[in-house]
Amino acid sequence: MSLNSGQFGDSGRGINRLPPALLFGREARAGALPQVYRVSSRDEDAAWRLLEPYRDKTFSFTDCTSFALMERLRLDTALALDGHSQSYGLHSLPEL
């Protein structure tokens, strides 16, 4: 996603600048960004099941929903900065 001053509606002066979340949402809903996948109830169930065997880790429920979603989509690389994905056995970008 690239931004230019015309997208802010003020010719670059910073007045009436759209919040980044709103810009992102507009781009995403217009199909200008990669596909957004939602966590399903099955992913949530799988996430709860992941917490027990990995109780020695500091995985959050959010981590586990990401892992479940990635398994469903057959993805093996995560954009992550905390090392949890690697602890789970996934590849991580950037490599930590």
PDB file of N, CA and C in Angstrom:
ATOM      1  N   MET A   1       0.849  -1.156   0.000  1.00  0.00           N
ATOM      2  CA  MET A   1       0.000   0.000   0.000  1.00  0.00           C
ATOM      3  C   MET A   1       0.895   1.219   0.000  1.00  0.00           C
ATOM      4  N   SER A   2       0.688   2.078  -0.926  1.00  0.00           N
ATOM      5  CA  SER A   2       1.436   3.320  -0.948  1.00  0.00           C
ATOM      6  C   SER A   2       0.489   4.470  -0.683  1.00  0.00           C
ATOM      7  N   LEU A   3       0.980   5.479  -0.025  1.00  0.00           N
ATOM      8  CA  LEU A   3       0.172   6.637   0.310  1.00  0.00           C
ATOM      9  C   LEU A   3       0.764   7.863  -0.343  1.00  0.00           C
ATOM     10  N   ASN A   4      -0.088   8.781  -0.705  1.00  0.00           N
ATOM     11  CA  ASN A   4       0.395  10.063  -1.199  1.00  0.00           C
ATOM     12  C   ASN A   4      -0.448  11.153  -0.571  1.00  0.00           C
ATOM     13  N   SER A   5      -0.001  12.388  -0.696  1.00  0.00           N
ATOM     14  CA  SER A   5      -0.687  13.485  -0.012  1.00  0.00           C
ATOM     15  C   SER A   5      -2.119  13.658  -0.493  1.00  0.00           C
ATOM     16  N   GLY A   6      -2.419  13.272  -1.716  1.00  0.00           N
ATOM     17  CA  GLY A   6      -3.780  13.386  -2.210  1.00  0.00           C
ATOM     18  C   GLY A   6      -4.753  12.494  -1.457  1.00  0.00           C
ATOM     19  N   GLN A   7      -4.256  11.380  -0.907  1.00  0.00           N
ATOM     20  CA  GLN A   7      -5.124  10.491  -0.148  1.00  0.00           C
ATOM     21  C   GLN A   7      -5.513  11.101   1.193  1.00  0.00           C
ATOM     22  N   PHE A   8      -4.788  12.089   1.636  1.00  0.00           N
ATOM     23  CA  PHE A   8      -5.107  12.712   2.917  1.00  0.00           C
ATOM     24  C   PHE A   8      -6.099  13.850   2.738  1.00  0.00           C
ATOM     25  N   GLY A   9      -6.399  14.238   1.518  1.00  0.00           N
ATOM     26  CA  GLY A   9      -7.397  15.246   1.244  1.00  0.00           C
ATOM     27  C   GLY A   9      -6.990  16.665   1.583  1.00  0.00           C
ATOM     28  N   ASP A  10      -5.683  16.930   1.653  1.00  0.00           N
ATOM     29  CA  ASP A  10      -5.279  18.278   2.055  1.00  0.00           C
ATOM     30  C   ASP A  10      -4.069  18.777   1.287  1.00  0.00           C
ATOM     31  N   SER A  11      -3.740  18.142   0.201  1.00  0.00           N
ATOM     32  CA  SER A  11      -2.585  18.530  -0.611  1.00  0.00           C
ATOM     33  C   SER A  11      -1.293  18.539   0.188  1.00  0.00           C
ATOM     34  N   GLY A  12      -1.196  17.665   1.203  1.00  0.00           N
ATOM     35  CA  GLY A  12       0.056  17.508   1.939  1.00  0.00           C
ATOM     36  C   GLY A  12       0.241  18.420   3.121  1.00  0.00           C
ATOM     37  N   ARG A  13      -0.749  19.218   3.492  1.00  0.00           N
ATOM     38  CA  ARG A  13      -0.557  20.153   4.602  1.00  0.00           C
ATOM     39  C   ARG A  13      -0.791  19.518   5.971  1.00  0.00           C
ATOM     40  N   GLY A  14      -1.341  18.279   6.028  1.00  0.00           N
ATOM     41  CA  GLY A  14      -1.560  17.609   7.297  1.00  0.00           C
ATOM     42  C   GLY A  14      -2.901  17.926   7.930  1.00  0.00           C
ATOM     43  N   ILE A  15      -3.710  18.779   7.308  1.00  0.00           N
ATOM     44  CA  ILE A  15      -5.029  19.111   7.827  1.00  0.00           C
ATOM     45  C   ILE A  15      -6.020  18.085   7.285  1.00  0.00           C
ATOM     46  N   ASN A  16      -6.948  17.650   8.114  1.00  0.00           N
ATOM     47  CA  ASN A  16      -7.945  16.648   7.728  1.00  0.00           C
ATOM     48  C   ASN A  16      -7.316  15.314   7.333  1.00  0.00           C
ATOM     49  N   ARG A  17      -6.203  15.011   7.902  1.00  0.00           N
ATOM     50  CA  ARG A  17      -5.505  13.753   7.599  1.00  0.00           C
ATOM     51  C   ARG A  17      -6.317  12.578   8.131  1.00  0.00           C
ATOM     52  N   LEU A  18      -6.493  11.555   7.309  1.00  0.00           N
ATOM     53  CA  LEU A  18      -7.227  10.371   7.733  1.00  0.00           C
ATOM     54  C   LEU A  18      -6.375   9.531   8.668  1.00  0.00           C
ATOM     55  N   PRO A  19      -6.982   8.969   9.713  1.00  0.00           N
ATOM     56  CA  PRO A  19      -6.233   8.083  10.618  1.00  0.00           C
ATOM     57  C   PRO A  19      -5.730   6.848   9.854  1.00  0.00           C
ATOM     58  N   PRO A  20      -4.557   6.343  10.212  1.00  0.00           N
ATOM     59  CA  PRO A  20      -4.008   5.175   9.504  1.00  0.00           C
ATOM     60  C   PRO A  20      -4.960   3.986   9.477  1.00  0.00           C
ATOM     61  N   ALA A  21      -5.685   3.736  10.564  1.00  0.00           N
ATOM     62  CA  ALA A  21      -6.611   2.604  10.587  1.00  0.00           C
ATOM     63  C   ALA A  21      -7.715   2.778   9.543  1.00  0.00           C
ATOM     64  N   LEU A  22      -8.182   4.000   9.371  1.00  0.00           N
ATOM     65  CA  LEU A  22      -9.217   4.261   8.372  1.00  0.00           C
ATOM     66  C   LEU A  22      -8.668   4.080   6.961  1.00  0.00           C
ATOM     67  N   LEU A  23      -7.453   4.553   6.725  1.00  0.00           N
ATOM     68  CA  LEU A  23      -6.814   4.342   5.419  1.00  0.00           C
ATOM     69  C   LEU A  23      -6.663   2.856   5.130  1.00  0.00           C
ATOM     70  N   PHE A  24      -6.182   2.118   6.130  1.00  0.00           N
ATOM     71  CA  PHE A  24      -5.996   0.677   5.969  1.00  0.00           C
ATOM     72  C   PHE A  24      -7.340   0.013   5.664  1.00  0.00           C
ATOM     73  N   GLY A  25      -8.361   0.370   6.429  1.00  0.00           N
ATOM     74  CA  GLY A  25      -9.674  -0.222   6.222  1.00  0.00           C
ATOM     75  C   GLY A  25     -10.230   0.049   4.840  1.00  0.00           C
ATOM     76  N   ARG A  26     -10.075   1.264   4.379  1.00  0.00           N
ATOM     77  CA  ARG A  26     -10.550   1.602   3.026  1.00  0.00           C
ATOM     78  C   ARG A  26      -9.819   0.779   1.975  1.00  0.00           C
ATOM     79  N   GLU A  27      -8.506   0.668   2.119  1.00  0.00           N
ATOM     80  CA  GLU A  27      -7.713  -0.111   1.156  1.00  0.00           C
ATOM     81  C   GLU A  27      -8.115  -1.586   1.205  1.00  0.00           C
ATOM     82  N   ALA A  28      -8.268  -2.124   2.414  1.00  0.00           N
ATOM     83  CA  ALA A  28      -8.604  -3.535   2.564  1.00  0.00           C
ATOM     84  C   ALA A  28      -9.979  -3.840   1.975  1.00  0.00           C
ATOM     85  N   ARG A  29     -10.948  -2.996   2.264  1.00  0.00           N
ATOM     86  CA  ARG A  29     -12.306  -3.232   1.783  1.00  0.00           C
ATOM     87  C   ARG A  29     -12.420  -3.020   0.283  1.00  0.00           C
ATOM     88  N   ALA A  30     -11.529  -2.244  -0.289  1.00  0.00           N
ATOM     89  CA  ALA A  30     -11.529  -2.022  -1.739  1.00  0.00           C
ATOM     90  C   ALA A  30     -10.790  -3.136  -2.469  1.00  0.00           C
ATOM     91  N   GLY A  31     -10.221  -4.066  -1.720  1.00  0.00           N
ATOM     92  CA  GLY A  31      -9.504  -5.172  -2.342  1.00  0.00           C
ATOM     93  C   GLY A  31      -8.083  -4.826  -2.733  1.00  0.00           C
ATOM     94  N   ALA A  32      -7.557  -3.723  -2.202  1.00  0.00           N
ATOM     95  CA  ALA A  32      -6.219  -3.279  -2.571  1.00  0.00           C
ATOM     96  C   ALA A  32      -5.128  -3.922  -1.716  1.00  0.00           C
ATOM     97  N   LEU A  33      -5.512  -4.728  -0.753  1.00  0.00           N
ATOM     98  CA  LEU A  33      -4.547  -5.399   0.125  1.00  0.00           C
ATOM     99  C   LEU A  33      -4.713  -6.904   0.000  1.00  0.00           C
ATOM    100  N   PRO A  34      -3.743  -7.665   0.515  1.00  0.00           N
ATOM    101  CA  PRO A  34      -3.885  -9.127   0.486  1.00  0.00           C
ATOM    102  C   PRO A  34      -5.163  -9.578   1.199  1.00  0.00           C
ATOM    103  N   GLN A  35      -5.577 -10.788   0.909  1.00  0.00           N
ATOM    104  CA  GLN A  35      -6.779 -11.382   1.499  1.00  0.00           C
ATOM    105  C   GLN A  35      -6.708 -11.354   3.028  1.00  0.00           C
ATOM    106  N   VAL A  36      -7.809 -10.997   3.661  1.00  0.00           N
ATOM    107  CA  VAL A  36      -7.920 -11.030   5.117  1.00  0.00           C
ATOM    108  C   VAL A  36      -8.706 -12.283   5.477  1.00  0.00           C
ATOM    109  N   TYR A  37      -8.151 -13.110   6.348  1.00  0.00           N
ATOM    110  CA  TYR A  37      -8.810 -14.335   6.792  1.00  0.00           C
ATOM    111  C   TYR A  37      -9.274 -14.153   8.229  1.00  0.00           C
ATOM    112  N   ARG A  38     -10.480 -14.583   8.505  1.00  0.00           N
ATOM    113  CA  ARG A  38     -11.039 -14.465   9.836  1.00  0.00           C
ATOM    114  C   ARG A  38     -10.898 -15.787  10.587  1.00  0.00           C
ATOM    115  N   VAL A  39     -10.696 -15.677  11.875  1.00  0.00           N
ATOM    116  CA  VAL A  39     -10.618 -16.856  12.731  1.00  0.00           C
ATOM    117  C   VAL A  39     -12.023 -17.434  12.865  1.00  0.00           C
ATOM    118  N   SER A  40     -12.155 -18.721  12.602  1.00  0.00           N
ATOM    119  CA  SER A  40     -13.455 -19.383  12.684  1.00  0.00           C
ATOM    120  C   SER A  40     -13.651 -19.976  14.080  1.00  0.00           C
ATOM    121  N   SER A  41     -14.849 -20.425  14.356  1.00  0.00           N
ATOM    122  CA  SER A  41     -15.092 -21.078  15.652  1.00  0.00           C
ATOM    123  C   SER A  41     -14.277 -22.365  15.759  1.00  0.00           C
ATOM    124  N   ARG A  42     -14.041 -23.037  14.653  1.00  0.00           N
ATOM    125  CA  ARG A  42     -13.178 -24.239  14.677  1.00  0.00           C
ATOM    126  C   ARG A  42     -11.735 -23.858  15.006  1.00  0.00           C
ATOM    127  N   ASP A  43     -11.286 -22.728  14.458  1.00  0.00           N
ATOM    128  CA  ASP A  43      -9.940 -22.251  14.788  1.00  0.00           C
ATOM    129  C   ASP A  43      -9.844 -21.942  16.280  1.00  0.00           C
ATOM    130  N   GLU A  44     -10.894 -21.323  16.828  1.00  0.00           N
ATOM    131  CA  GLU A  44     -10.889 -21.021  18.263  1.00  0.00           C
ATOM    132  C   GLU A  44     -10.837 -22.296  19.091  1.00  0.00           C
ATOM    133  N   ASP A  45     -11.623 -23.304  18.709  1.00  0.00           N
ATOM    134  CA  ASP A  45     -11.586 -24.584  19.424  1.00  0.00           C
ATOM    135  C   ASP A  45     -10.194 -25.204  19.357  1.00  0.00           C
ATOM    136  N   ALA A  46      -9.605 -25.161  18.176  1.00  0.00           N
ATOM    137  CA  ALA A  46      -8.246 -25.702  18.015  1.00  0.00           C
ATOM    138  C   ALA A  46      -7.247 -24.917  18.858  1.00  0.00           C
ATOM    139  N   ALA A  47      -7.439 -23.603  18.945  1.00  0.00           N
ATOM    140  CA  ALA A  47      -6.541 -22.763  19.749  1.00  0.00           C
ATOM    141  C   ALA A  47      -6.605 -23.161  21.209  1.00  0.00           C
ATOM    142  N   TRP A  48      -7.821 -23.380  21.732  1.00  0.00           N
ATOM    143  CA  TRP A  48      -7.929 -23.801  23.142  1.00  0.00           C
ATOM    144  C   TRP A  48      -7.227 -25.135  23.362  1.00  0.00           C
ATOM    145  N   ARG A  49      -7.340 -26.050  22.381  1.00  0.00           N
ATOM    146  CA  ARG A  49      -6.664 -27.348  22.510  1.00  0.00           C
ATOM    147  C   ARG A  49      -5.140 -27.218  22.457  1.00  0.00           C
ATOM    148  N   LEU A  50      -4.632 -26.176  21.819  1.00  0.00           N
ATOM    149  CA  LEU A  50      -3.172 -25.980  21.742  1.00  0.00           C
ATOM    150  C   LEU A  50      -2.573 -25.480  23.057  1.00  0.00           C
ATOM    151  N   LEU A  51      -3.357 -24.783  23.845  1.00  0.00           N
ATOM    152  CA  LEU A  51      -2.811 -24.190  25.075  1.00  0.00           C
ATOM    153  C   LEU A  51      -2.301 -25.240  26.059  1.00  0.00           C
ATOM    154  N   GLU A  52      -3.006 -26.358  26.192  1.00  0.00           N
ATOM    155  CA  GLU A  52      -2.621 -27.373  27.188  1.00  0.00           C
ATOM    156  C   GLU A  52      -1.267 -28.025  26.890  1.00  0.00           C
ATOM    157  N   PRO A  53      -1.064 -28.576  25.700  1.00  0.00           N
ATOM    158  CA  PRO A  53       0.224 -29.239  25.462  1.00  0.00           C
ATOM    159  C   PRO A  53       1.423 -28.277  25.440  1.00  0.00           C
ATOM    160  N   TYR A  54       1.157 -27.003  25.273  1.00  0.00           N
ATOM    161  CA  TYR A  54       2.237 -26.016  25.237  1.00  0.00           C
ATOM    162  C   TYR A  54       2.213 -25.128  26.488  1.00  0.00           C
ATOM    163  N   ARG A  55       1.745 -25.661  27.602  1.00  0.00           N
ATOM    164  CA  ARG A  55       1.618 -24.828  28.809  1.00  0.00           C
ATOM    165  C   ARG A  55       2.962 -24.373  29.354  1.00  0.00           C
ATOM    166  N   ASP A  56       4.052 -25.008  28.914  1.00  0.00           N
ATOM    167  CA  ASP A  56       5.382 -24.558  29.328  1.00  0.00           C
ATOM    168  C   ASP A  56       5.832 -23.320  28.543  1.00  0.00           C
ATOM    169  N   LYS A  57       5.070 -22.952  27.518  1.00  0.00           N
ATOM    170  CA  LYS A  57       5.371 -21.764  26.708  1.00  0.00           C
ATOM    171  C   LYS A  57       4.531 -20.597  27.218  1.00  0.00           C
ATOM    172  N   THR A  58       4.842 -19.416  26.739  1.00  0.00           N
ATOM    173  CA  THR A  58       4.060 -18.233  27.117  1.00  0.00           C
ATOM    174  C   THR A  58       3.118 -17.819  25.992  1.00  0.00           C
ATOM    175  N   PHE A  59       2.593 -18.818  25.262  1.00  0.00           N
ATOM    176  CA  PHE A  59       1.670 -18.530  24.175  1.00  0.00           C
ATOM    177  C   PHE A  59       0.384 -17.926  24.734  1.00  0.00           C
ATOM    178  N   SER A  60      -0.106 -16.917  24.046  1.00  0.00           N
ATOM    179  CA  SER A  60      -1.409 -16.351  24.373  1.00  0.00           C
ATOM    180  C   SER A  60      -2.470 -17.066  23.540  1.00  0.00           C
ATOM    181  N   PHE A  61      -3.726 -16.827  23.890  1.00  0.00           N
ATOM    182  CA  PHE A  61      -4.814 -17.360  23.077  1.00  0.00           C
ATOM    183  C   PHE A  61      -4.736 -16.795  21.658  1.00  0.00           C
ATOM    184  N   THR A  62      -4.329 -15.542  21.541  1.00  0.00           N
ATOM    185  CA  THR A  62      -4.168 -14.925  20.223  1.00  0.00           C
ATOM    186  C   THR A  62      -3.102 -15.652  19.414  1.00  0.00           C
ATOM    187  N   ASP A  63      -1.965 -15.979  20.063  1.00  0.00           N
ATOM    188  CA  ASP A  63      -0.937 -16.775  19.383  1.00  0.00           C
ATOM    189  C   ASP A  63      -1.549 -18.068  18.852  1.00  0.00           C
ATOM    190  N   CYS A  64      -2.288 -18.754  19.716  1.00  0.00           N
ATOM    191  CA  CYS A  64      -2.831 -20.055  19.342  1.00  0.00           C
ATOM    192  C   CYS A  64      -3.892 -19.954  18.254  1.00  0.00           C
ATOM    193  N   THR A  65      -4.684 -18.871  18.233  1.00  0.00           N
ATOM    194  CA  THR A  65      -5.629 -18.723  17.128  1.00  0.00           C
ATOM    195  C   THR A  65      -4.876 -18.496  15.817  1.00  0.00           C
ATOM    196  N   SER A  66      -3.773 -17.778  15.894  1.00  0.00           N
ATOM    197  CA  SER A  66      -2.943 -17.588  14.692  1.00  0.00           C
ATOM    198  C   SER A  66      -2.385 -18.915  14.217  1.00  0.00           C
ATOM    199  N   PHE A  67      -1.884 -19.732  15.145  1.00  0.00           N
ATOM    200  CA  PHE A  67      -1.331 -21.038  14.768  1.00  0.00           C
ATOM    201  C   PHE A  67      -2.411 -21.910  14.135  1.00  0.00           C
ATOM    202  N   ALA A  68      -3.600 -21.927  14.736  1.00  0.00           N
ATOM    203  CA  ALA A  68      -4.696 -22.744  14.205  1.00  0.00           C
ATOM    204  C   ALA A  68      -5.104 -22.278  12.807  1.00  0.00           C
ATOM    205  N   LEU A  69      -5.217 -20.981  12.638  1.00  0.00           N
ATOM    206  CA  LEU A  69      -5.576 -20.431  11.334  1.00  0.00           C
ATOM    207  C   LEU A  69      -4.504 -20.773  10.304  1.00  0.00           C
ATOM    208  N   MET A  70      -3.249 -20.637  10.687  1.00  0.00           N
ATOM    209  CA  MET A  70      -2.161 -20.943   9.766  1.00  0.00           C
ATOM    210  C   MET A  70      -2.160 -22.418   9.387  1.00  0.00           C
ATOM    211  N   GLU A  71      -2.459 -23.284  10.340  1.00  0.00           N
ATOM    212  CA  GLU A  71      -2.546 -24.711  10.013  1.00  0.00           C
ATOM    213  C   GLU A  71      -3.678 -24.966   9.028  1.00  0.00           C
ATOM    214  N   ARG A  72      -4.831 -24.346   9.271  1.00  0.00           N
ATOM    215  CA  ARG A  72      -5.979 -24.531   8.366  1.00  0.00           C
ATOM    216  C   ARG A  72      -5.637 -24.070   6.957  1.00  0.00           C
ATOM    217  N   LEU A  73      -4.902 -22.971   6.853  1.00  0.00           N
ATOM    218  CA  LEU A  73      -4.537 -22.421   5.545  1.00  0.00           C
ATOM    219  C   LEU A  73      -3.247 -23.017   4.980  1.00  0.00           C
ATOM    220  N   ARG A  74      -2.638 -23.917   5.740  1.00  0.00           N
ATOM    221  CA  ARG A  74      -1.383 -24.577   5.350  1.00  0.00           C
ATOM    222  C   ARG A  74      -0.259 -23.578   5.113  1.00  0.00           C
ATOM    223  N   LEU A  75      -0.159 -22.611   6.021  1.00  0.00           N
ATOM    224  CA  LEU A  75       0.919 -21.623   5.985  1.00  0.00           C
ATOM    225  C   LEU A  75       2.001 -22.034   6.965  1.00  0.00           C
ATOM    226  N   ASP A  76       3.257 -21.790   6.618  1.00  0.00           N
ATOM    227  CA  ASP A  76       4.335 -22.190   7.524  1.00  0.00           C
ATOM    228  C   ASP A  76       5.250 -21.041   7.935  1.00  0.00           C
ATOM    229  N   THR A  77       4.925 -19.827   7.526  1.00  0.00           N
ATOM    230  CA  THR A  77       5.755 -18.663   7.852  1.00  0.00           C
ATOM    231  C   THR A  77       4.877 -17.551   8.392  1.00  0.00           C
ATOM    232  N   ALA A  78       5.300 -17.007   9.539  1.00  0.00           N
ATOM    233  CA  ALA A  78       4.539 -15.942  10.198  1.00  0.00           C
ATOM    234  C   ALA A  78       5.366 -14.668  10.245  1.00  0.00           C
ATOM    235  N   LEU A  79       4.686 -13.553  10.173  1.00  0.00           N
ATOM    236  CA  LEU A  79       5.309 -12.256  10.430  1.00  0.00           C
ATOM    237  C   LEU A  79       5.163 -12.040  11.930  1.00  0.00           C
ATOM    238  N   ALA A  80       6.256 -12.156  12.661  1.00  0.00           N
ATOM    239  CA  ALA A  80       6.192 -12.126  14.125  1.00  0.00           C
ATOM    240  C   ALA A  80       7.491 -11.581  14.691  1.00  0.00           C
ATOM    241  N   LEU A  81       7.379 -10.952  15.846  1.00  0.00           N
ATOM    242  CA  LEU A  81       8.551 -10.347  16.476  1.00  0.00           C
ATOM    243  C   LEU A  81       8.874 -10.924  17.848  1.00  0.00           C
ATOM    244  N   ASP A  82       8.103 -11.894  18.326  1.00  0.00           N
ATOM    245  CA  ASP A  82       8.299 -12.365  19.689  1.00  0.00           C
ATOM    246  C   ASP A  82       8.882 -13.766  19.823  1.00  0.00           C
ATOM    247  N   GLY A  83       9.078 -14.484  18.745  1.00  0.00           N
ATOM    248  CA  GLY A  83       9.670 -15.811  18.817  1.00  0.00           C
ATOM    249  C   GLY A  83       8.671 -16.923  19.098  1.00  0.00           C
ATOM    250  N   HIS A  84       7.396 -16.603  19.368  1.00  0.00           N
ATOM    251  CA  HIS A  84       6.418 -17.643  19.674  1.00  0.00           C
ATOM    252  C   HIS A  84       6.162 -18.548  18.475  1.00  0.00           C
ATOM    253  N   SER A  85       6.133 -17.980  17.287  1.00  0.00           N
ATOM    254  CA  SER A  85       5.905 -18.792  16.095  1.00  0.00           C
ATOM    255  C   SER A  85       7.014 -19.817  15.914  1.00  0.00           C
ATOM    256  N   GLN A  86       8.243 -19.388  16.142  1.00  0.00           N
ATOM    257  CA  GLN A  86       9.363 -20.326  16.029  1.00  0.00           C
ATOM    258  C   GLN A  86       9.289 -21.397  17.117  1.00  0.00           C
ATOM    259  N   SER A  87       8.885 -21.019  18.320  1.00  0.00           N
ATOM    260  CA  SER A  87       8.731 -22.005  19.400  1.00  0.00           C
ATOM    261  C   SER A  87       7.678 -23.041  19.055  1.00  0.00           C
ATOM    262  N   TYR A  88       6.685 -22.621  18.293  1.00  0.00           N
ATOM    263  CA  TYR A  88       5.622 -23.531  17.866  1.00  0.00           C
ATOM    264  C   TYR A  88       6.067 -24.398  16.693  1.00  0.00           C
ATOM    265  N   GLY A  89       7.147 -24.010  16.010  1.00  0.00           N
ATOM    266  CA  GLY A  89       7.667 -24.794  14.898  1.00  0.00           C
ATOM    267  C   GLY A  89       7.444 -24.188  13.534  1.00  0.00           C
ATOM    268  N   LEU A  90       7.035 -22.936  13.510  1.00  0.00           N
ATOM    269  CA  LEU A  90       6.843 -22.244  12.240  1.00  0.00           C
ATOM    270  C   LEU A  90       8.080 -21.432  11.887  1.00  0.00           C
ATOM    271  N   HIS A  91       8.193 -21.066  10.652  1.00  0.00           N
ATOM    272  CA  HIS A  91       9.211 -20.115  10.242  1.00  0.00           C
ATOM    273  C   HIS A  91       8.708 -18.727  10.605  1.00  0.00           C
ATOM    274  N   SER A  92       9.630 -17.797  10.797  1.00  0.00           N
ATOM    275  CA  SER A  92       9.236 -16.465  11.209  1.00  0.00           C
ATOM    276  C   SER A  92      10.002 -15.417  10.423  1.00  0.00           C
ATOM    277  N   LEU A  93       9.306 -14.374  10.038  1.00  0.00           N
ATOM    278  CA  LEU A  93       9.930 -13.218   9.405  1.00  0.00           C
ATOM    279  C   LEU A  93       9.675 -12.011  10.272  1.00  0.00           C
ATOM    280  N   PRO A  94      10.628 -11.208  10.593  1.00  0.00           N
ATOM    281  CA  PRO A  94      12.035 -11.461  10.293  1.00  0.00           C
ATOM    282  C   PRO A  94      12.539 -12.613  11.138  1.00  0.00           C
ATOM    283  N   GLU A  95      13.587 -13.266  10.677  1.00  0.00           N
ATOM    284  CA  GLU A  95      14.169 -14.345  11.473  1.00  0.00           C
ATOM    285  C   GLU A  95      14.761 -13.776  12.730  1.00  0.00           C
ATOM    286  N   LEU A  96      14.394 -14.397  13.852  1.00  0.00           N
ATOM    287  CA  LEU A  96      14.877 -13.919  15.158  1.00  0.00           C
ATOM    288  C   LEU A  96      16.073 -14.719  15.622  1.00  0.00           C
TER     289      LEU A  96
END
